[in-house]
Amino acid sequence: MSTFATVVGLAAAVCTTGANLPQLKKAWTRGQTDDISMNMLWVLASGLALWVTYGVLQKDIVIILANAISLALISGLVWLKLQTSS
């Protein structure tokens, strides 16, 4: 049975993770990432990795999954950025 806090956490996870999808889709379909800051991507990826670590330490699967998925999406953007920069 889910608690209210878990439902709120899941809703937040859907919103923050889903927010990365339009940028990734745009970069993927256009093949252009000039308007994306590499520094921002590295800072965001670092923060997400820290959130995953925090989730592991807290044994909170919602925090772990949400941030791991977001980290995977941001990693995709980093990969596209590196591919288009060469």
C-alpha atoms as a PDB file:
ATOM      1  CA  MET A   1       0.000   0.000   0.000  1.00  0.00           C
ATOM      2  CA  SER A   2       1.347   3.400  -1.010  1.00  0.00           C
ATOM      3  CA  THR A   3       1.521   6.261   1.383  1.00  0.00           C
ATOM      4  CA  PHE A   4       0.670   9.805   0.407  1.00  0.00           C
ATOM      5  CA  ALA A   5       4.380  10.671   0.528  1.00  0.00           C
ATOM      6  CA  THR A   6       5.133   7.901  -1.971  1.00  0.00           C
ATOM      7  CA  VAL A   7       2.436   9.172  -4.327  1.00  0.00           C
ATOM      8  CA  VAL A   8       3.836  12.703  -4.088  1.00  0.00           C
ATOM      9  CA  GLY A   9       7.348  11.355  -4.729  1.00  0.00           C
ATOM     10  CA  LEU A  10       6.189   9.411  -7.764  1.00  0.00           C
ATOM     11  CA  ALA A  11       4.362  12.450  -9.160  1.00  0.00           C
ATOM     12  CA  ALA A  12       7.481  14.575  -8.673  1.00  0.00           C
ATOM     13  CA  ALA A  13       9.586  11.881 -10.345  1.00  0.00           C
ATOM     14  CA  VAL A  14       7.305  11.763 -13.374  1.00  0.00           C
ATOM     15  CA  CYS A  15       7.411  15.549 -13.723  1.00  0.00           C
ATOM     16  CA  THR A  16      11.168  16.006 -13.323  1.00  0.00           C
ATOM     17  CA  THR A  17      12.105  12.981 -15.400  1.00  0.00           C
ATOM     18  CA  GLY A  18       9.582  13.784 -18.109  1.00  0.00           C
ATOM     19  CA  ALA A  19      10.908  17.331 -18.338  1.00  0.00           C
ATOM     20  CA  ASN A  20      14.079  15.942 -19.947  1.00  0.00           C
ATOM     21  CA  LEU A  21      12.267  14.144 -22.762  1.00  0.00           C
ATOM     22  CA  PRO A  22      11.437  17.141 -25.009  1.00  0.00           C
ATOM     23  CA  GLN A  23      15.063  18.345 -25.004  1.00  0.00           C
ATOM     24  CA  LEU A  24      16.378  14.872 -25.782  1.00  0.00           C
ATOM     25  CA  LYS A  25      13.798  14.384 -28.550  1.00  0.00           C
ATOM     26  CA  LYS A  26      14.607  17.764 -30.095  1.00  0.00           C
ATOM     27  CA  ALA A  27      18.354  17.098 -30.017  1.00  0.00           C
ATOM     28  CA  TRP A  28      17.881  13.588 -31.411  1.00  0.00           C
ATOM     29  CA  THR A  29      15.590  14.547 -34.296  1.00  0.00           C
ATOM     30  CA  ARG A  30      17.414  17.725 -35.315  1.00  0.00           C
ATOM     31  CA  GLY A  31      20.901  16.425 -34.653  1.00  0.00           C
ATOM     32  CA  GLN A  32      21.799  19.808 -33.243  1.00  0.00           C
ATOM     33  CA  THR A  33      22.890  20.553 -29.675  1.00  0.00           C
ATOM     34  CA  ASP A  34      24.535  23.977 -30.053  1.00  0.00           C
ATOM     35  CA  ASP A  35      21.962  25.571 -27.749  1.00  0.00           C
ATOM     36  CA  ILE A  36      22.673  23.117 -24.910  1.00  0.00           C
ATOM     37  CA  SER A  37      25.376  24.013 -22.399  1.00  0.00           C
ATOM     38  CA  MET A  38      27.829  21.181 -21.745  1.00  0.00           C
ATOM     39  CA  ASN A  39      28.638  22.692 -18.351  1.00  0.00           C
ATOM     40  CA  MET A  40      24.956  22.586 -17.418  1.00  0.00           C
ATOM     41  CA  LEU A  41      24.746  18.945 -18.514  1.00  0.00           C
ATOM     42  CA  TRP A  42      27.759  17.968 -16.381  1.00  0.00           C
ATOM     43  CA  VAL A  43      26.447  19.802 -13.316  1.00  0.00           C
ATOM     44  CA  LEU A  44      22.988  18.275 -13.774  1.00  0.00           C
ATOM     45  CA  ALA A  45      24.445  14.786 -14.287  1.00  0.00           C
ATOM     46  CA  SER A  46      26.563  15.201 -11.156  1.00  0.00           C
ATOM     47  CA  GLY A  47      23.536  16.283  -9.141  1.00  0.00           C
ATOM     48  CA  LEU A  48      21.492  13.354 -10.423  1.00  0.00           C
ATOM     49  CA  ALA A  49      24.285  10.918  -9.568  1.00  0.00           C
ATOM     50  CA  LEU A  50      24.375  12.371  -6.064  1.00  0.00           C
ATOM     51  CA  TRP A  51      20.586  11.955  -5.789  1.00  0.00           C
ATOM     52  CA  VAL A  52      20.916   8.312  -6.827  1.00  0.00           C
ATOM     53  CA  THR A  53      23.601   7.855  -4.164  1.00  0.00           C
ATOM     54  CA  TYR A  54      21.379   9.559  -1.596  1.00  0.00           C
ATOM     55  CA  GLY A  55      18.481   7.304  -2.577  1.00  0.00           C
ATOM     56  CA  VAL A  56      20.667   4.235  -2.111  1.00  0.00           C
ATOM     57  CA  LEU A  57      21.818   5.472   1.289  1.00  0.00           C
ATOM     58  CA  GLN A  58      18.198   6.152   2.289  1.00  0.00           C
ATOM     59  CA  LYS A  59      16.981   2.923   0.665  1.00  0.00           C
ATOM     60  CA  ASP A  60      14.346   4.931  -1.220  1.00  0.00           C
ATOM     61  CA  ILE A  61      13.478   3.235  -4.510  1.00  0.00           C
ATOM     62  CA  VAL A  62      11.491   6.230  -5.795  1.00  0.00           C
ATOM     63  CA  ILE A  63      14.501   8.542  -5.472  1.00  0.00           C
ATOM     64  CA  ILE A  64      16.811   5.925  -6.962  1.00  0.00           C
ATOM     65  CA  LEU A  65      14.655   5.114  -9.994  1.00  0.00           C
ATOM     66  CA  ALA A  66      13.567   8.655 -10.811  1.00  0.00           C
ATOM     67  CA  ASN A  67      17.068  10.038 -10.723  1.00  0.00           C
ATOM     68  CA  ALA A  68      18.644   7.036 -12.439  1.00  0.00           C
ATOM     69  CA  ILE A  69      16.205   7.427 -15.347  1.00  0.00           C
ATOM     70  CA  SER A  70      16.878  11.166 -15.483  1.00  0.00           C
ATOM     71  CA  LEU A  71      20.615  10.458 -15.412  1.00  0.00           C
ATOM     72  CA  ALA A  72      20.216   8.069 -18.345  1.00  0.00           C
ATOM     73  CA  LEU A  73      18.328  10.732 -20.317  1.00  0.00           C
ATOM     74  CA  ILE A  74      20.939  13.380 -19.535  1.00  0.00           C
ATOM     75  CA  SER A  75      23.650  10.901 -20.506  1.00  0.00           C
ATOM     76  CA  GLY A  76      21.917  10.618 -23.869  1.00  0.00           C
ATOM     77  CA  LEU A  77      22.076  14.381 -24.254  1.00  0.00           C
ATOM     78  CA  VAL A  78      25.762  14.395 -23.310  1.00  0.00           C
ATOM     79  CA  TRP A  79      26.412  11.672 -25.901  1.00  0.00           C
ATOM     80  CA  LEU A  80      24.544  13.642 -28.586  1.00  0.00           C
ATOM     81  CA  LYS A  81      26.378  16.822 -27.608  1.00  0.00           C
ATOM     82  CA  LEU A  82      29.749  15.067 -27.906  1.00  0.00           C
ATOM     83  CA  GLN A  83      28.760  13.520 -31.255  1.00  0.00           C
ATOM     84  CA  THR A  84      27.632  16.805 -32.777  1.00  0.00           C
ATOM     85  CA  SER A  85      30.627  18.729 -31.433  1.00  0.00           C
ATOM     86  CA  SER A  86      33.160  16.630 -33.345  1.00  0.00           C
END
